[in-house]
Amino acid sequence: MISRTGYLMQPEVNAAPVARADARNNRRRLIAATREAIASRGLDVSALDIARAAGLGVGTLYRRFGTKEALLEAVVLGLYDELCDTAQACMTRADAWEGLTEFVLELAKAHRDSRGLAEVTAACERPPSPELAQRTAALQEAVIQLTDRARATGSLRADVTWQDIIICSRATLDTQYCLGVDGGPEGWRRIITVLLDGLRAPGHTPLPGPAPQTSHT
């Protein structure tokens, strides 16, 4: 473009798309770094450590998410969404028992793979955010449906509740080592398989005590 004075003018460059792309990339990096951090260290991780792991300044974290807690919430909600997707896929299995056992194994694996997720699913001292409460309800409903399907086919013993199923998914969190015995990195699958066999019909020993209750915070 030639100006009125005869000089060649450089075209203006629209930096907005580049800035938006950078922002999206920074968000992805922060999400990935946070997911990895809470998997090994739980929720007690600092904003500075997350930013460093993402290769960004801590100011970028606050610009993208406002607070560390908001970032943690975004990551946890993503993990819950993945579990919801898994549950929906398990409900499409032709064999109801296979669908139920597949989900229990995946839920147990998710707990073992992420210390942060295990901390969130066990938290009961304060009410969850509306978004987390919605996902919790969705997962509970999915487990109810998986349990009902398995019971309707006669493969699940009648006295096992959906709350029992959820509690069983946490049974392997502290079972790798005991009295000098090392279960190995895949030993948790053996434990879950043993538990699942105990849930199958007909079941020989009546279950003692009341069934687990759903908490309402």
N, C-alpha and C. Protein backbone atom coordinates (compact mmCIF):
# COMPACT_ATOMS: atom_id res chain seq x y z
N MET A 1 0.86 -1.19 0.00
CA MET A 1 0.00 0.00 0.00
C MET A 1 0.90 1.24 0.00
N ILE A 2 0.56 2.22 -0.84
CA ILE A 2 1.34 3.45 -0.95
C ILE A 2 0.60 4.56 -0.23
N SER A 3 1.32 5.28 0.64
CA SER A 3 0.70 6.38 1.36
C SER A 3 0.62 7.60 0.46
N ARG A 4 -0.09 8.62 0.92
CA ARG A 4 -0.23 9.86 0.16
C ARG A 4 1.12 10.53 -0.04
N THR A 5 2.05 10.28 0.84
CA THR A 5 3.37 10.90 0.71
C THR A 5 4.28 10.10 -0.20
N GLY A 6 3.81 8.97 -0.68
CA GLY A 6 4.60 8.19 -1.61
C GLY A 6 5.40 7.08 -0.97
N TYR A 7 5.35 6.95 0.33
CA TYR A 7 6.10 5.90 1.00
C TYR A 7 5.29 4.60 1.03
N LEU A 8 6.04 3.49 0.97
CA LEU A 8 5.40 2.18 1.03
C LEU A 8 5.00 1.89 2.48
N MET A 9 3.72 1.60 2.69
CA MET A 9 3.24 1.32 4.03
C MET A 9 3.17 -0.18 4.26
N GLN A 10 3.62 -0.63 5.42
CA GLN A 10 3.54 -2.05 5.77
C GLN A 10 2.11 -2.39 6.19
N PRO A 11 1.57 -3.48 5.71
CA PRO A 11 0.22 -3.86 6.12
C PRO A 11 0.17 -4.16 7.62
N GLU A 12 -0.93 -3.81 8.25
CA GLU A 12 -1.08 -4.08 9.67
C GLU A 12 -1.29 -5.57 9.89
N VAL A 13 -0.64 -6.09 10.91
CA VAL A 13 -0.75 -7.51 11.24
C VAL A 13 -1.72 -7.66 12.40
N ASN A 14 -2.73 -8.50 12.21
CA ASN A 14 -3.70 -8.74 13.26
C ASN A 14 -3.13 -9.75 14.24
N ALA A 15 -2.77 -9.28 15.41
CA ALA A 15 -2.13 -10.14 16.39
C ALA A 15 -3.13 -10.92 17.23
N ALA A 16 -4.42 -10.60 17.11
CA ALA A 16 -5.41 -11.24 17.97
C ALA A 16 -5.46 -12.76 17.80
N PRO A 17 -5.50 -13.30 16.57
CA PRO A 17 -5.52 -14.76 16.43
C PRO A 17 -4.30 -15.43 17.05
N VAL A 18 -3.13 -14.80 16.91
CA VAL A 18 -1.91 -15.36 17.49
C VAL A 18 -2.01 -15.37 19.01
N ALA A 19 -2.51 -14.27 19.57
CA ALA A 19 -2.65 -14.18 21.02
C ALA A 19 -3.63 -15.24 21.53
N ARG A 20 -4.73 -15.44 20.80
CA ARG A 20 -5.70 -16.45 21.23
C ARG A 20 -5.10 -17.85 21.16
N ALA A 21 -4.32 -18.11 20.12
CA ALA A 21 -3.68 -19.42 19.99
C ALA A 21 -2.69 -19.65 21.12
N ASP A 22 -1.94 -18.60 21.48
CA ASP A 22 -0.99 -18.72 22.59
C ASP A 22 -1.73 -18.98 23.90
N ALA A 23 -2.86 -18.30 24.08
CA ALA A 23 -3.63 -18.49 25.31
C ALA A 23 -4.15 -19.92 25.41
N ARG A 24 -4.64 -20.45 24.29
CA ARG A 24 -5.13 -21.83 24.29
C ARG A 24 -4.01 -22.81 24.59
N ASN A 25 -2.85 -22.57 23.99
CA ASN A 25 -1.70 -23.44 24.22
C ASN A 25 -1.25 -23.39 25.68
N ASN A 26 -1.21 -22.17 26.24
CA ASN A 26 -0.83 -22.04 27.65
C ASN A 26 -1.82 -22.76 28.56
N ARG A 27 -3.09 -22.66 28.22
CA ARG A 27 -4.12 -23.35 29.02
C ARG A 27 -3.90 -24.86 28.97
N ARG A 28 -3.64 -25.39 27.78
CA ARG A 28 -3.41 -26.83 27.65
C ARG A 28 -2.19 -27.26 28.46
N ARG A 29 -1.13 -26.46 28.41
CA ARG A 29 0.09 -26.79 29.15
C ARG A 29 -0.15 -26.78 30.66
N LEU A 30 -0.91 -25.82 31.13
CA LEU A 30 -1.22 -25.75 32.55
C LEU A 30 -2.10 -26.92 32.99
N ILE A 31 -3.07 -27.27 32.16
CA ILE A 31 -3.93 -28.41 32.48
C ILE A 31 -3.10 -29.69 32.55
N ALA A 32 -2.24 -29.90 31.57
CA ALA A 32 -1.42 -31.12 31.54
C ALA A 32 -0.47 -31.18 32.73
N ALA A 33 0.15 -30.05 33.05
CA ALA A 33 1.09 -30.02 34.17
C ALA A 33 0.36 -30.26 35.50
N THR A 34 -0.83 -29.69 35.64
CA THR A 34 -1.59 -29.87 36.87
C THR A 34 -2.06 -31.31 37.01
N ARG A 35 -2.50 -31.88 35.93
CA ARG A 35 -2.96 -33.27 35.95
C ARG A 35 -1.83 -34.20 36.40
N GLU A 36 -0.64 -33.97 35.88
CA GLU A 36 0.51 -34.79 36.26
C GLU A 36 0.90 -34.54 37.72
N ALA A 37 0.84 -33.28 38.14
CA ALA A 37 1.25 -32.94 39.51
C ALA A 37 0.33 -33.56 40.55
N ILE A 38 -0.97 -33.46 40.35
CA ILE A 38 -1.88 -34.00 41.36
C ILE A 38 -1.92 -35.52 41.31
N ALA A 39 -1.55 -36.11 40.18
CA ALA A 39 -1.51 -37.56 40.10
C ALA A 39 -0.51 -38.12 41.10
N SER A 40 0.65 -37.49 41.21
CA SER A 40 1.70 -38.01 42.07
C SER A 40 1.73 -37.37 43.45
N ARG A 41 1.26 -36.12 43.56
CA ARG A 41 1.42 -35.39 44.82
C ARG A 41 0.11 -35.01 45.48
N GLY A 42 -1.00 -35.22 44.82
CA GLY A 42 -2.29 -34.84 45.38
C GLY A 42 -2.57 -33.37 45.18
N LEU A 43 -3.57 -32.89 45.87
CA LEU A 43 -4.03 -31.51 45.67
C LEU A 43 -3.14 -30.48 46.35
N ASP A 44 -2.25 -30.92 47.22
CA ASP A 44 -1.37 -30.00 47.94
C ASP A 44 -0.14 -29.68 47.10
N VAL A 45 -0.38 -29.03 45.98
CA VAL A 45 0.69 -28.64 45.08
C VAL A 45 0.59 -27.13 44.87
N SER A 46 1.73 -26.46 44.79
CA SER A 46 1.71 -25.00 44.72
C SER A 46 1.51 -24.51 43.29
N ALA A 47 0.99 -23.30 43.18
CA ALA A 47 0.82 -22.68 41.86
C ALA A 47 2.16 -22.51 41.18
N LEU A 48 3.19 -22.18 41.95
CA LEU A 48 4.51 -21.99 41.38
C LEU A 48 5.05 -23.28 40.79
N ASP A 49 4.86 -24.39 41.50
CA ASP A 49 5.34 -25.69 40.98
C ASP A 49 4.60 -26.07 39.71
N ILE A 50 3.31 -25.79 39.65
CA ILE A 50 2.53 -26.11 38.44
C ILE A 50 3.03 -25.28 37.27
N ALA A 51 3.21 -23.98 37.50
CA ALA A 51 3.65 -23.10 36.43
C ALA A 51 5.03 -23.51 35.92
N ARG A 52 5.93 -23.84 36.83
CA ARG A 52 7.26 -24.27 36.41
C ARG A 52 7.20 -25.55 35.59
N ALA A 53 6.37 -26.49 36.02
CA ALA A 53 6.25 -27.74 35.27
C ALA A 53 5.69 -27.51 33.87
N ALA A 54 4.85 -26.48 33.74
CA ALA A 54 4.28 -26.15 32.44
C ALA A 54 5.22 -25.30 31.60
N GLY A 55 6.33 -24.84 32.19
CA GLY A 55 7.26 -23.98 31.48
C GLY A 55 6.74 -22.56 31.31
N LEU A 56 5.93 -22.13 32.28
CA LEU A 56 5.31 -20.80 32.21
C LEU A 56 5.52 -20.06 33.52
N GLY A 57 5.26 -18.78 33.49
CA GLY A 57 5.31 -17.99 34.71
C GLY A 57 4.04 -18.15 35.49
N VAL A 58 4.14 -17.98 36.81
CA VAL A 58 2.96 -18.14 37.65
C VAL A 58 1.90 -17.09 37.31
N GLY A 59 2.33 -15.95 36.79
CA GLY A 59 1.36 -14.93 36.39
C GLY A 59 0.45 -15.42 35.28
N THR A 60 0.97 -16.26 34.39
CA THR A 60 0.16 -16.82 33.31
C THR A 60 -0.93 -17.71 33.88
N LEU A 61 -0.58 -18.47 34.92
CA LEU A 61 -1.59 -19.33 35.56
C LEU A 61 -2.75 -18.49 36.08
N TYR A 62 -2.42 -17.39 36.76
CA TYR A 62 -3.47 -16.55 37.34
C TYR A 62 -4.26 -15.82 36.27
N ARG A 63 -3.61 -15.46 35.17
CA ARG A 63 -4.35 -14.80 34.08
C ARG A 63 -5.31 -15.76 33.41
N ARG A 64 -4.92 -17.01 33.27
CA ARG A 64 -5.77 -17.99 32.58
C ARG A 64 -6.89 -18.50 33.47
N PHE A 65 -6.62 -18.68 34.78
CA PHE A 65 -7.60 -19.35 35.65
C PHE A 65 -8.04 -18.52 36.85
N GLY A 66 -7.36 -17.45 37.14
CA GLY A 66 -7.74 -16.61 38.27
C GLY A 66 -7.13 -17.06 39.58
N THR A 67 -7.32 -18.34 39.93
CA THR A 67 -6.76 -18.90 41.16
C THR A 67 -6.25 -20.31 40.89
N LYS A 68 -5.39 -20.77 41.79
CA LYS A 68 -4.92 -22.16 41.69
C LYS A 68 -6.09 -23.11 41.87
N GLU A 69 -7.00 -22.78 42.78
CA GLU A 69 -8.16 -23.64 43.05
C GLU A 69 -9.03 -23.81 41.81
N ALA A 70 -9.17 -22.74 41.02
CA ALA A 70 -9.96 -22.84 39.79
C ALA A 70 -9.29 -23.77 38.79
N LEU A 71 -7.98 -23.73 38.74
CA LEU A 71 -7.24 -24.63 37.86
C LEU A 71 -7.40 -26.08 38.32
N LEU A 72 -7.25 -26.32 39.61
CA LEU A 72 -7.45 -27.67 40.13
C LEU A 72 -8.85 -28.18 39.83
N GLU A 73 -9.83 -27.31 40.00
CA GLU A 73 -11.21 -27.69 39.72
C GLU A 73 -11.39 -28.09 38.26
N ALA A 74 -10.79 -27.31 37.35
CA ALA A 74 -10.90 -27.61 35.92
C ALA A 74 -10.31 -28.98 35.60
N VAL A 75 -9.17 -29.29 36.22
CA VAL A 75 -8.53 -30.58 35.98
C VAL A 75 -9.37 -31.72 36.54
N VAL A 76 -9.86 -31.56 37.76
CA VAL A 76 -10.68 -32.61 38.39
C VAL A 76 -11.96 -32.84 37.60
N LEU A 77 -12.58 -31.76 37.15
CA LEU A 77 -13.80 -31.91 36.35
C LEU A 77 -13.51 -32.69 35.07
N GLY A 78 -12.35 -32.47 34.49
CA GLY A 78 -11.96 -33.23 33.30
C GLY A 78 -11.83 -34.71 33.60
N LEU A 79 -11.25 -35.05 34.75
CA LEU A 79 -11.14 -36.45 35.15
C LEU A 79 -12.51 -37.08 35.39
N TYR A 80 -13.40 -36.32 36.01
CA TYR A 80 -14.77 -36.81 36.21
C TYR A 80 -15.47 -37.04 34.86
N ASP A 81 -15.27 -36.12 33.93
CA ASP A 81 -15.90 -36.27 32.62
C ASP A 81 -15.42 -37.53 31.91
N GLU A 82 -14.14 -37.84 32.06
CA GLU A 82 -13.61 -39.07 31.45
C GLU A 82 -14.27 -40.30 32.08
N LEU A 83 -14.47 -40.27 33.38
CA LEU A 83 -15.14 -41.38 34.05
C LEU A 83 -16.59 -41.51 33.60
N CYS A 84 -17.25 -40.36 33.40
CA CYS A 84 -18.63 -40.39 32.90
C CYS A 84 -18.69 -41.01 31.51
N ASP A 85 -17.73 -40.65 30.66
CA ASP A 85 -17.68 -41.24 29.32
C ASP A 85 -17.45 -42.75 29.40
N THR A 86 -16.57 -43.16 30.30
CA THR A 86 -16.30 -44.58 30.48
C THR A 86 -17.55 -45.32 30.93
N ALA A 87 -18.27 -44.72 31.86
CA ALA A 87 -19.50 -45.35 32.36
C ALA A 87 -20.52 -45.51 31.25
N GLN A 88 -20.68 -44.49 30.42
CA GLN A 88 -21.62 -44.57 29.31
C GLN A 88 -21.23 -45.69 28.35
N ALA A 89 -19.94 -45.83 28.09
CA ALA A 89 -19.48 -46.89 27.20
C ALA A 89 -19.73 -48.26 27.83
N CYS A 90 -19.52 -48.38 29.14
CA CYS A 90 -19.74 -49.66 29.81
C CYS A 90 -21.21 -50.07 29.78
N MET A 91 -22.10 -49.09 29.76
CA MET A 91 -23.53 -49.41 29.73
C MET A 91 -23.98 -49.95 28.38
N THR A 92 -23.15 -49.81 27.37
CA THR A 92 -23.49 -50.34 26.05
C THR A 92 -23.02 -51.78 25.86
N ARG A 93 -22.28 -52.31 26.82
CA ARG A 93 -21.79 -53.69 26.67
C ARG A 93 -22.97 -54.65 26.67
N ALA A 94 -22.91 -55.63 25.79
CA ALA A 94 -24.00 -56.59 25.68
C ALA A 94 -24.15 -57.42 26.94
N ASP A 95 -23.03 -57.74 27.58
CA ASP A 95 -23.05 -58.51 28.82
C ASP A 95 -23.05 -57.53 29.99
N ALA A 96 -24.11 -57.53 30.78
CA ALA A 96 -24.25 -56.57 31.87
C ALA A 96 -23.15 -56.73 32.92
N TRP A 97 -22.76 -57.97 33.22
CA TRP A 97 -21.71 -58.19 34.20
C TRP A 97 -20.37 -57.64 33.70
N GLU A 98 -20.07 -57.86 32.43
CA GLU A 98 -18.84 -57.33 31.86
C GLU A 98 -18.83 -55.80 31.90
N GLY A 99 -19.97 -55.19 31.64
CA GLY A 99 -20.05 -53.73 31.71
C GLY A 99 -19.78 -53.22 33.10
N LEU A 100 -20.36 -53.88 34.11
CA LEU A 100 -20.16 -53.47 35.49
C LEU A 100 -18.71 -53.66 35.91
N THR A 101 -18.15 -54.82 35.64
CA THR A 101 -16.78 -55.09 36.08
C THR A 101 -15.78 -54.19 35.37
N GLU A 102 -16.04 -53.90 34.10
CA GLU A 102 -15.14 -53.00 33.36
C GLU A 102 -15.11 -51.61 34.02
N PHE A 103 -16.28 -51.13 34.42
CA PHE A 103 -16.30 -49.80 35.03
C PHE A 103 -15.62 -49.81 36.39
N VAL A 104 -15.86 -50.84 37.20
CA VAL A 104 -15.22 -50.91 38.51
C VAL A 104 -13.70 -50.91 38.36
N LEU A 105 -13.20 -51.67 37.40
CA LEU A 105 -11.76 -51.70 37.16
C LEU A 105 -11.23 -50.33 36.72
N GLU A 106 -11.98 -49.66 35.85
CA GLU A 106 -11.54 -48.35 35.38
C GLU A 106 -11.60 -47.31 36.50
N LEU A 107 -12.61 -47.39 37.35
CA LEU A 107 -12.71 -46.45 38.47
C LEU A 107 -11.59 -46.70 39.47
N ALA A 108 -11.30 -47.97 39.75
CA ALA A 108 -10.19 -48.30 40.65
C ALA A 108 -8.87 -47.81 40.07
N LYS A 109 -8.68 -47.99 38.78
CA LYS A 109 -7.45 -47.54 38.13
C LYS A 109 -7.33 -46.01 38.18
N ALA A 110 -8.44 -45.32 37.98
CA ALA A 110 -8.42 -43.85 38.04
C ALA A 110 -8.01 -43.38 39.42
N HIS A 111 -8.51 -44.05 40.46
CA HIS A 111 -8.12 -43.70 41.83
C HIS A 111 -6.63 -43.93 42.06
N ARG A 112 -6.11 -45.03 41.55
CA ARG A 112 -4.70 -45.34 41.76
C ARG A 112 -3.81 -44.44 40.92
N ASP A 113 -4.27 -44.07 39.75
CA ASP A 113 -3.45 -43.25 38.85
C ASP A 113 -3.36 -41.80 39.29
N SER A 114 -4.33 -41.33 40.05
CA SER A 114 -4.35 -39.92 40.45
C SER A 114 -4.67 -39.79 41.94
N ARG A 115 -3.63 -39.45 42.68
CA ARG A 115 -3.83 -39.22 44.12
C ARG A 115 -4.82 -38.07 44.35
N GLY A 116 -4.74 -37.06 43.48
CA GLY A 116 -5.65 -35.93 43.61
C GLY A 116 -7.10 -36.32 43.42
N LEU A 117 -7.37 -37.16 42.42
CA LEU A 117 -8.74 -37.62 42.20
C LEU A 117 -9.23 -38.42 43.40
N ALA A 118 -8.37 -39.29 43.93
CA ALA A 118 -8.76 -40.09 45.10
C ALA A 118 -9.08 -39.19 46.29
N GLU A 119 -8.35 -38.09 46.43
CA GLU A 119 -8.62 -37.16 47.53
C GLU A 119 -9.97 -36.47 47.33
N VAL A 120 -10.29 -36.11 46.10
CA VAL A 120 -11.55 -35.41 45.83
C VAL A 120 -12.73 -36.34 46.04
N THR A 121 -12.65 -37.57 45.53
CA THR A 121 -13.80 -38.47 45.66
C THR A 121 -14.05 -38.88 47.11
N ALA A 122 -13.01 -38.76 47.96
CA ALA A 122 -13.18 -39.11 49.37
C ALA A 122 -13.55 -37.91 50.23
N ALA A 123 -13.47 -36.71 49.68
CA ALA A 123 -13.71 -35.50 50.47
C ALA A 123 -15.17 -35.41 50.90
N CYS A 124 -15.38 -35.07 52.15
CA CYS A 124 -16.74 -34.91 52.65
C CYS A 124 -16.86 -33.78 53.67
N GLU A 125 -15.76 -33.05 53.88
CA GLU A 125 -15.79 -32.03 54.92
C GLU A 125 -16.42 -30.73 54.45
N ARG A 126 -16.55 -30.55 53.15
CA ARG A 126 -17.19 -29.33 52.66
C ARG A 126 -18.00 -29.65 51.40
N PRO A 127 -19.04 -28.88 51.14
CA PRO A 127 -19.88 -29.14 49.96
C PRO A 127 -19.08 -28.96 48.67
N PRO A 128 -19.31 -29.80 47.67
CA PRO A 128 -18.62 -29.63 46.39
C PRO A 128 -19.20 -28.46 45.63
N SER A 129 -18.47 -28.01 44.63
CA SER A 129 -18.99 -26.96 43.76
C SER A 129 -20.19 -27.51 42.99
N PRO A 130 -21.06 -26.64 42.47
CA PRO A 130 -22.20 -27.13 41.69
C PRO A 130 -21.78 -28.02 40.51
N GLU A 131 -20.67 -27.66 39.86
CA GLU A 131 -20.21 -28.45 38.72
C GLU A 131 -19.75 -29.83 39.16
N LEU A 132 -19.03 -29.90 40.27
CA LEU A 132 -18.57 -31.19 40.75
C LEU A 132 -19.73 -32.02 41.28
N ALA A 133 -20.69 -31.37 41.93
CA ALA A 133 -21.87 -32.08 42.42
C ALA A 133 -22.65 -32.69 41.26
N GLN A 134 -22.74 -31.96 40.15
CA GLN A 134 -23.47 -32.47 38.99
C GLN A 134 -22.79 -33.71 38.43
N ARG A 135 -21.46 -33.69 38.34
CA ARG A 135 -20.75 -34.85 37.81
C ARG A 135 -20.80 -36.03 38.78
N THR A 136 -20.75 -35.75 40.07
CA THR A 136 -20.89 -36.82 41.05
C THR A 136 -22.23 -37.51 40.91
N ALA A 137 -23.28 -36.71 40.77
CA ALA A 137 -24.62 -37.28 40.59
C ALA A 137 -24.70 -38.10 39.31
N ALA A 138 -24.05 -37.63 38.25
CA ALA A 138 -24.07 -38.36 36.98
C ALA A 138 -23.36 -39.70 37.12
N LEU A 139 -22.23 -39.73 37.84
CA LEU A 139 -21.51 -40.98 38.05
C LEU A 139 -22.31 -41.93 38.94
N GLN A 140 -22.95 -41.38 39.97
CA GLN A 140 -23.79 -42.23 40.81
C GLN A 140 -24.91 -42.86 40.00
N GLU A 141 -25.54 -42.07 39.16
CA GLU A 141 -26.63 -42.59 38.33
C GLU A 141 -26.13 -43.68 37.39
N ALA A 142 -24.93 -43.48 36.84
CA ALA A 142 -24.36 -44.49 35.95
C ALA A 142 -24.12 -45.80 36.69
N VAL A 143 -23.58 -45.71 37.92
CA VAL A 143 -23.33 -46.92 38.71
C VAL A 143 -24.65 -47.59 39.08
N ILE A 144 -25.66 -46.80 39.38
CA ILE A 144 -26.99 -47.37 39.67
C ILE A 144 -27.48 -48.17 38.47
N GLN A 145 -27.35 -47.61 37.28
CA GLN A 145 -27.83 -48.31 36.09
C GLN A 145 -27.01 -49.56 35.81
N LEU A 146 -25.68 -49.47 35.98
CA LEU A 146 -24.84 -50.64 35.76
C LEU A 146 -25.18 -51.74 36.76
N THR A 147 -25.42 -51.34 38.01
CA THR A 147 -25.78 -52.30 39.04
C THR A 147 -27.14 -52.94 38.75
N ASP A 148 -28.11 -52.13 38.39
CA ASP A 148 -29.45 -52.65 38.09
C ASP A 148 -29.42 -53.62 36.92
N ARG A 149 -28.63 -53.29 35.89
CA ARG A 149 -28.53 -54.19 34.73
C ARG A 149 -27.96 -55.54 35.14
N ALA A 150 -26.89 -55.51 35.94
CA ALA A 150 -26.26 -56.76 36.34
C ALA A 150 -27.17 -57.57 37.25
N ARG A 151 -27.91 -56.89 38.12
CA ARG A 151 -28.82 -57.62 39.01
C ARG A 151 -29.99 -58.21 38.22
N ALA A 152 -30.47 -57.47 37.22
CA ALA A 152 -31.61 -57.94 36.42
C ALA A 152 -31.27 -59.21 35.64
N THR A 153 -30.01 -59.38 35.30
CA THR A 153 -29.61 -60.58 34.56
C THR A 153 -29.27 -61.73 35.49
N GLY A 154 -29.31 -61.48 36.80
CA GLY A 154 -29.01 -62.54 37.76
C GLY A 154 -27.53 -62.74 38.01
N SER A 155 -26.67 -61.87 37.47
CA SER A 155 -25.23 -62.05 37.65
C SER A 155 -24.70 -61.36 38.90
N LEU A 156 -25.46 -60.43 39.46
CA LEU A 156 -25.05 -59.73 40.69
C LEU A 156 -25.92 -60.19 41.84
N ARG A 157 -25.31 -60.52 42.96
CA ARG A 157 -26.09 -60.98 44.11
C ARG A 157 -27.04 -59.88 44.57
N ALA A 158 -28.20 -60.28 45.03
CA ALA A 158 -29.30 -59.35 45.28
C ALA A 158 -29.02 -58.40 46.43
N ASP A 159 -28.15 -58.78 47.38
CA ASP A 159 -27.93 -57.93 48.55
C ASP A 159 -26.79 -56.93 48.36
N VAL A 160 -26.21 -56.86 47.17
CA VAL A 160 -25.16 -55.89 46.88
C VAL A 160 -25.78 -54.63 46.30
N THR A 161 -25.46 -53.49 46.87
CA THR A 161 -26.02 -52.22 46.42
C THR A 161 -25.03 -51.48 45.53
N TRP A 162 -25.54 -50.45 44.86
CA TRP A 162 -24.65 -49.64 44.03
C TRP A 162 -23.63 -48.90 44.89
N GLN A 163 -24.00 -48.59 46.14
CA GLN A 163 -23.04 -47.95 47.04
C GLN A 163 -21.89 -48.91 47.37
N ASP A 164 -22.19 -50.20 47.51
CA ASP A 164 -21.14 -51.20 47.72
C ASP A 164 -20.15 -51.18 46.56
N ILE A 165 -20.69 -51.08 45.36
CA ILE A 165 -19.85 -51.08 44.16
C ILE A 165 -18.86 -49.92 44.20
N ILE A 166 -19.35 -48.74 44.55
CA ILE A 166 -18.49 -47.55 44.58
C ILE A 166 -17.40 -47.70 45.64
N ILE A 167 -17.76 -48.16 46.83
CA ILE A 167 -16.77 -48.33 47.89
C ILE A 167 -15.71 -49.35 47.49
N CYS A 168 -16.11 -50.41 46.80
CA CYS A 168 -15.15 -51.44 46.37
C CYS A 168 -14.07 -50.87 45.46
N SER A 169 -14.39 -49.83 44.72
CA SER A 169 -13.42 -49.28 43.76
C SER A 169 -12.21 -48.67 44.46
N ARG A 170 -12.33 -48.37 45.76
CA ARG A 170 -11.21 -47.77 46.50
C ARG A 170 -10.40 -48.81 47.28
N ALA A 171 -10.79 -50.06 47.20
CA ALA A 171 -10.20 -51.08 48.06
C ALA A 171 -8.72 -51.32 47.79
N THR A 172 -8.24 -50.96 46.62
CA THR A 172 -6.85 -51.27 46.27
C THR A 172 -5.90 -50.10 46.46
N LEU A 173 -6.36 -49.02 47.04
CA LEU A 173 -5.50 -47.84 47.15
C LEU A 173 -4.30 -48.08 48.05
N ASP A 174 -4.42 -48.91 49.07
CA ASP A 174 -3.32 -49.12 50.01
C ASP A 174 -2.95 -50.59 50.15
N THR A 175 -3.06 -51.35 49.07
CA THR A 175 -2.86 -52.80 49.21
C THR A 175 -1.63 -53.33 48.49
N GLN A 176 -0.74 -52.46 47.96
CA GLN A 176 0.39 -53.00 47.23
C GLN A 176 1.41 -53.65 48.16
N TYR A 177 1.59 -53.06 49.36
CA TYR A 177 2.57 -53.60 50.31
C TYR A 177 1.90 -53.93 51.64
N CYS A 178 2.24 -55.09 52.18
CA CYS A 178 1.71 -55.47 53.50
C CYS A 178 2.54 -56.61 54.07
N LEU A 179 3.08 -56.41 55.27
CA LEU A 179 3.83 -57.45 55.98
C LEU A 179 4.91 -58.09 55.12
N GLY A 180 5.64 -57.26 54.42
CA GLY A 180 6.74 -57.75 53.60
C GLY A 180 6.33 -58.31 52.26
N VAL A 181 5.05 -58.22 51.94
CA VAL A 181 4.55 -58.73 50.65
C VAL A 181 4.38 -57.57 49.70
N ASP A 182 4.89 -57.73 48.49
CA ASP A 182 4.76 -56.71 47.45
C ASP A 182 3.81 -57.24 46.37
N GLY A 183 2.64 -56.60 46.26
CA GLY A 183 1.66 -57.05 45.28
C GLY A 183 2.04 -56.72 43.85
N GLY A 184 3.03 -55.83 43.67
CA GLY A 184 3.43 -55.45 42.32
C GLY A 184 2.52 -54.39 41.74
N PRO A 185 2.97 -53.72 40.69
CA PRO A 185 2.20 -52.61 40.12
C PRO A 185 0.84 -53.01 39.56
N GLU A 186 0.67 -54.27 39.19
CA GLU A 186 -0.61 -54.73 38.65
C GLU A 186 -1.38 -55.60 39.64
N GLY A 187 -0.85 -55.70 40.87
CA GLY A 187 -1.52 -56.55 41.86
C GLY A 187 -2.91 -56.08 42.20
N TRP A 188 -3.16 -54.78 42.03
CA TRP A 188 -4.50 -54.26 42.36
C TRP A 188 -5.58 -54.90 41.51
N ARG A 189 -5.23 -55.29 40.28
CA ARG A 189 -6.23 -55.94 39.42
C ARG A 189 -6.66 -57.29 40.01
N ARG A 190 -5.71 -58.00 40.62
CA ARG A 190 -6.07 -59.26 41.27
C ARG A 190 -7.03 -59.03 42.41
N ILE A 191 -6.77 -57.98 43.20
CA ILE A 191 -7.64 -57.68 44.34
C ILE A 191 -9.05 -57.34 43.88
N ILE A 192 -9.14 -56.48 42.87
CA ILE A 192 -10.46 -56.10 42.35
C ILE A 192 -11.19 -57.31 41.79
N THR A 193 -10.46 -58.19 41.11
CA THR A 193 -11.08 -59.39 40.53
C THR A 193 -11.63 -60.29 41.64
N VAL A 194 -10.87 -60.45 42.72
CA VAL A 194 -11.35 -61.23 43.86
C VAL A 194 -12.61 -60.61 44.45
N LEU A 195 -12.61 -59.28 44.60
CA LEU A 195 -13.78 -58.59 45.14
C LEU A 195 -14.99 -58.75 44.22
N LEU A 196 -14.77 -58.61 42.93
CA LEU A 196 -15.88 -58.74 41.99
C LEU A 196 -16.47 -60.14 42.02
N ASP A 197 -15.61 -61.15 42.15
CA ASP A 197 -16.13 -62.52 42.26
C ASP A 197 -17.02 -62.66 43.49
N GLY A 198 -16.67 -61.92 44.56
CA GLY A 198 -17.49 -61.96 45.76
C GLY A 198 -18.84 -61.27 45.59
N LEU A 199 -18.94 -60.41 44.59
CA LEU A 199 -20.20 -59.72 44.33
C LEU A 199 -21.14 -60.52 43.43
N ARG A 200 -20.61 -61.55 42.81
CA ARG A 200 -21.43 -62.29 41.85
C ARG A 200 -22.44 -63.17 42.56
N ALA A 201 -23.56 -63.36 41.89
CA ALA A 201 -24.58 -64.27 42.41
C ALA A 201 -24.08 -65.71 42.27
N PRO A 202 -24.47 -66.63 43.16
CA PRO A 202 -25.51 -66.42 44.17
C PRO A 202 -25.01 -65.78 45.45
N GLY A 203 -23.73 -65.90 45.78
CA GLY A 203 -23.24 -65.38 47.05
C GLY A 203 -23.63 -66.31 48.18
N HIS A 204 -22.68 -66.67 49.04
CA HIS A 204 -22.96 -67.69 50.05
C HIS A 204 -23.06 -67.13 51.47
N THR A 205 -22.41 -66.03 51.74
CA THR A 205 -22.42 -65.49 53.10
C THR A 205 -23.21 -64.19 53.14
N PRO A 206 -24.24 -64.10 53.96
CA PRO A 206 -25.01 -62.85 54.06
C PRO A 206 -24.09 -61.69 54.45
N LEU A 207 -24.30 -60.55 53.85
CA LEU A 207 -23.47 -59.39 54.16
C LEU A 207 -23.82 -58.83 55.53
N PRO A 208 -22.83 -58.61 56.39
CA PRO A 208 -23.11 -58.10 57.73
C PRO A 208 -23.33 -56.58 57.72
N GLY A 209 -24.11 -56.10 58.65
CA GLY A 209 -24.29 -54.67 58.82
C GLY A 209 -25.10 -54.02 57.72
N PRO A 210 -25.40 -52.75 57.91
CA PRO A 210 -26.18 -52.02 56.89
C PRO A 210 -25.33 -51.70 55.67
N ALA A 211 -26.01 -51.47 54.56
CA ALA A 211 -25.31 -51.10 53.33
C ALA A 211 -24.77 -49.67 53.47
N PRO A 212 -23.70 -49.33 52.72
CA PRO A 212 -23.20 -47.96 52.73
C PRO A 212 -24.29 -46.98 52.34
N GLN A 213 -24.22 -45.79 52.90
CA GLN A 213 -25.22 -44.76 52.63
C GLN A 213 -24.64 -43.65 51.78
N THR A 214 -25.49 -43.02 50.99
CA THR A 214 -25.08 -41.88 50.18
C THR A 214 -25.07 -40.65 51.05
N SER A 215 -23.94 -39.94 51.05
CA SER A 215 -23.85 -38.72 51.87
C SER A 215 -24.47 -37.57 51.12
N HIS A 216 -25.08 -36.66 51.85
CA HIS A 216 -25.69 -35.48 51.26
C HIS A 216 -25.10 -34.26 51.95
N THR A 217 -24.19 -33.59 51.23
CA THR A 217 -23.52 -32.42 51.79
C THR A 217 -24.12 -31.14 51.24
